[in-house]
Amino acid sequence: MPRSYGYRARTRHLFKKEFKTKGLPHISTYLETYRIGDLVDIKADPSIQRGMPHKFYHGKTGVVFNVTPRAVGVILRKIVGNRYLEKRVNVRIEHVRHSACRKEFLQRVKVNAKILADAKAKGEKPNYKRIPQHPREGHVVSVVDNVPQTLRALAFETTI
């Protein structure tokens, strides 16, 4: 049989819904607000075929450049040969979601604003450095009144 080159060729596992997530999307998907400049992840929902992006864009992150009642326009960067091309894709809102890639950064901005306010109140220079997590403290487990227990499987018993 000749090889198929269709729009959804070789997407058997790519456009598959996870266990217990089958069916139509929740109403909250349609109530999400998207604004120009938002970072969004494209993840195609196979239960809605209309407005589905090409399989190449599945899992990519882009910037919203246009908002319409039922869809958003997303700017993506695609590697073609040895260069990046700017692609503009119009995708229905069932197939996009807000990206979490800036969540940590925005949280850090809020923390730094609080550090700055506290430092100004004290008249000091603010310190924004993040400290890496150190190894946990060592400790000794006492065997007094804590006898080690041996775990083993129970023997199989028939109840007939």
Protein backbone atom coordinates (compact mmCIF):
# COMPACT_ATOMS: atom_id res chain seq x y z
CA MET A 1 0.00 0.00 0.00
CA PRO A 2 1.43 3.45 -0.84
CA ARG A 3 2.41 5.76 1.97
CA SER A 4 -0.19 8.29 3.13
CA TYR A 5 0.74 11.98 3.24
CA GLY A 6 -2.52 13.41 4.57
CA TYR A 7 -3.00 16.35 6.91
CA ARG A 8 -3.33 14.03 9.93
CA ALA A 9 -0.94 11.31 8.78
CA ARG A 10 1.08 9.59 11.56
CA THR A 11 -0.89 11.24 14.40
CA ARG A 12 -2.32 8.06 15.95
CA HIS A 13 -0.77 8.75 19.36
CA LEU A 14 -0.24 12.51 18.99
CA PHE A 15 -3.96 13.33 18.75
CA LYS A 16 -5.07 10.86 21.43
CA LYS A 17 -6.89 11.88 24.59
CA GLU A 18 -5.64 10.57 27.89
CA PHE A 19 -7.47 8.03 30.02
CA LYS A 20 -10.70 9.42 31.54
CA THR A 21 -10.43 12.69 29.58
CA LYS A 22 -12.47 11.60 26.57
CA GLY A 23 -15.38 13.69 25.28
CA LEU A 24 -15.96 17.35 24.66
CA PRO A 25 -13.97 20.09 26.44
CA HIS A 26 -15.23 21.71 29.64
CA ILE A 27 -17.09 25.02 29.51
CA SER A 28 -14.17 26.72 31.30
CA THR A 29 -12.12 26.22 28.12
CA TYR A 30 -14.46 28.62 26.31
CA LEU A 31 -14.57 31.14 29.16
CA GLU A 32 -10.78 31.64 29.20
CA THR A 33 -9.69 35.18 28.26
CA TYR A 34 -6.82 35.68 25.82
CA ARG A 35 -5.19 39.04 25.15
CA ILE A 36 -2.72 40.19 22.54
CA GLY A 37 0.80 39.47 23.77
CA ASP A 38 -0.13 36.45 25.92
CA LEU A 39 2.08 33.39 25.69
CA VAL A 40 0.05 30.29 24.79
CA ASP A 41 0.79 26.60 24.28
CA ILE A 42 -0.82 24.89 21.32
CA LYS A 43 -2.21 21.48 22.20
CA ALA A 44 -4.73 20.16 19.72
CA ASP A 45 -7.95 18.72 21.18
CA PRO A 46 -8.88 15.74 18.99
CA SER A 47 -12.57 15.90 19.96
CA ILE A 48 -12.88 19.23 18.07
CA GLN A 49 -11.66 18.93 14.48
CA ARG A 50 -12.65 22.44 13.41
CA GLY A 51 -9.87 25.00 13.75
CA MET A 52 -7.29 22.35 14.62
CA PRO A 53 -3.68 23.33 13.87
CA HIS A 54 -1.32 21.20 11.82
CA LYS A 55 0.45 18.42 13.71
CA PHE A 56 3.78 20.31 13.52
CA TYR A 57 2.49 23.04 15.84
CA HIS A 58 1.24 20.59 18.51
CA GLY A 59 3.20 21.31 21.71
CA LYS A 60 4.67 24.61 20.50
CA THR A 61 4.54 27.92 22.40
CA GLY A 62 3.76 31.22 20.72
CA VAL A 63 2.51 34.78 21.22
CA VAL A 64 -1.09 35.85 20.59
CA PHE A 65 -1.26 38.52 17.87
CA ASN A 66 -4.99 38.47 17.09
CA VAL A 67 -8.14 37.65 19.06
CA THR A 68 -11.49 36.83 17.44
CA PRO A 69 -14.71 35.57 19.08
CA ARG A 70 -13.85 31.88 18.70
CA ALA A 71 -10.16 31.77 17.83
CA VAL A 72 -6.79 33.36 18.42
CA GLY A 73 -3.93 34.10 16.05
CA VAL A 74 -0.57 32.84 17.30
CA ILE A 75 2.91 33.81 16.10
CA LEU A 76 5.37 30.90 16.18
CA ARG A 77 8.97 30.48 15.08
CA LYS A 78 9.62 27.50 12.79
CA ILE A 79 13.03 26.22 11.79
CA VAL A 80 13.19 25.88 8.01
CA GLY A 81 16.62 24.91 6.73
CA ASN A 82 19.14 27.08 8.58
CA ARG A 83 16.83 29.92 9.62
CA TYR A 84 13.77 30.73 11.70
CA LEU A 85 10.58 31.72 9.90
CA GLU A 86 7.78 33.57 11.66
CA LYS A 87 4.56 31.64 11.17
CA ARG A 88 1.12 33.05 11.91
CA VAL A 89 -1.42 30.37 12.79
CA ASN A 90 -5.12 30.89 13.51
CA VAL A 91 -6.31 28.34 16.05
CA ARG A 92 -9.64 27.87 17.82
CA ILE A 93 -9.53 28.37 21.58
CA GLU A 94 -10.16 24.67 22.25
CA HIS A 95 -6.63 23.98 21.00
CA VAL A 96 -4.73 26.61 23.02
CA ARG A 97 -4.06 27.22 26.72
CA HIS A 98 -2.12 29.80 28.68
CA SER A 99 1.55 28.88 28.93
CA ALA A 100 3.07 28.26 32.36
CA CYS A 101 6.55 29.19 31.14
CA ARG A 102 6.38 32.68 32.69
CA LYS A 103 4.60 31.68 35.91
CA GLU A 104 7.80 31.39 37.97
CA PHE A 105 9.16 34.66 36.54
CA LEU A 106 5.96 36.61 37.35
CA GLN A 107 5.93 35.14 40.86
CA ARG A 108 9.55 36.24 41.31
CA VAL A 109 8.66 39.76 40.15
CA LYS A 110 6.07 40.00 42.95
CA VAL A 111 8.52 38.67 45.54
CA ASN A 112 11.21 41.13 44.38
CA ALA A 113 8.75 44.04 44.65
CA LYS A 114 8.06 43.04 48.26
CA ILE A 115 11.81 42.73 48.98
CA LEU A 116 12.35 46.21 47.52
CA ALA A 117 9.55 47.72 49.64
CA ASP A 118 10.93 46.12 52.82
CA ALA A 119 14.48 47.28 52.00
CA LYS A 120 13.30 50.85 51.36
CA ALA A 121 11.47 50.90 54.69
CA LYS A 122 14.67 49.82 56.48
CA GLY A 123 16.90 52.07 54.34
CA GLU A 124 19.04 49.17 53.06
CA LYS A 125 20.10 47.92 49.65
CA PRO A 126 17.81 45.09 48.44
CA ASN A 127 19.26 41.61 47.84
CA TYR A 128 17.45 39.77 45.04
CA LYS A 129 19.77 36.75 44.87
CA ARG A 130 18.16 33.33 44.85
CA ILE A 131 19.81 30.77 47.11
CA PRO A 132 20.00 27.18 45.85
CA GLN A 133 18.41 24.49 47.99
CA HIS A 134 20.99 22.89 50.28
CA PRO A 135 21.19 19.19 51.05
CA ARG A 136 18.97 18.04 53.89
CA GLU A 137 20.42 17.80 57.40
CA GLY A 138 21.75 14.39 58.44
CA HIS A 139 20.24 12.54 61.40
CA VAL A 140 20.58 9.28 63.29
CA VAL A 141 17.76 6.79 63.61
CA SER A 142 17.66 5.30 67.09
CA VAL A 143 16.88 1.60 67.56
CA VAL A 144 15.86 2.05 71.19
CA ASP A 145 12.12 1.31 71.47
CA ASN A 146 12.13 1.13 67.66
CA VAL A 147 12.89 -2.47 66.74
CA PRO A 148 13.54 -3.04 63.02
CA GLN A 149 10.74 -4.96 61.32
CA THR A 150 11.10 -7.45 58.49
CA LEU A 151 8.50 -7.10 55.76
CA ARG A 152 7.58 -10.13 53.70
CA ALA A 153 4.70 -11.32 51.59
CA LEU A 154 1.95 -13.34 53.25
CA ALA A 155 1.65 -16.99 52.32
CA PHE A 156 -1.09 -17.77 49.82
CA GLU A 157 -4.16 -19.32 51.47
CA THR A 158 -7.11 -20.95 49.77
CA THR A 159 -10.55 -20.27 51.29
CA ILE A 160 -12.48 -23.13 49.71
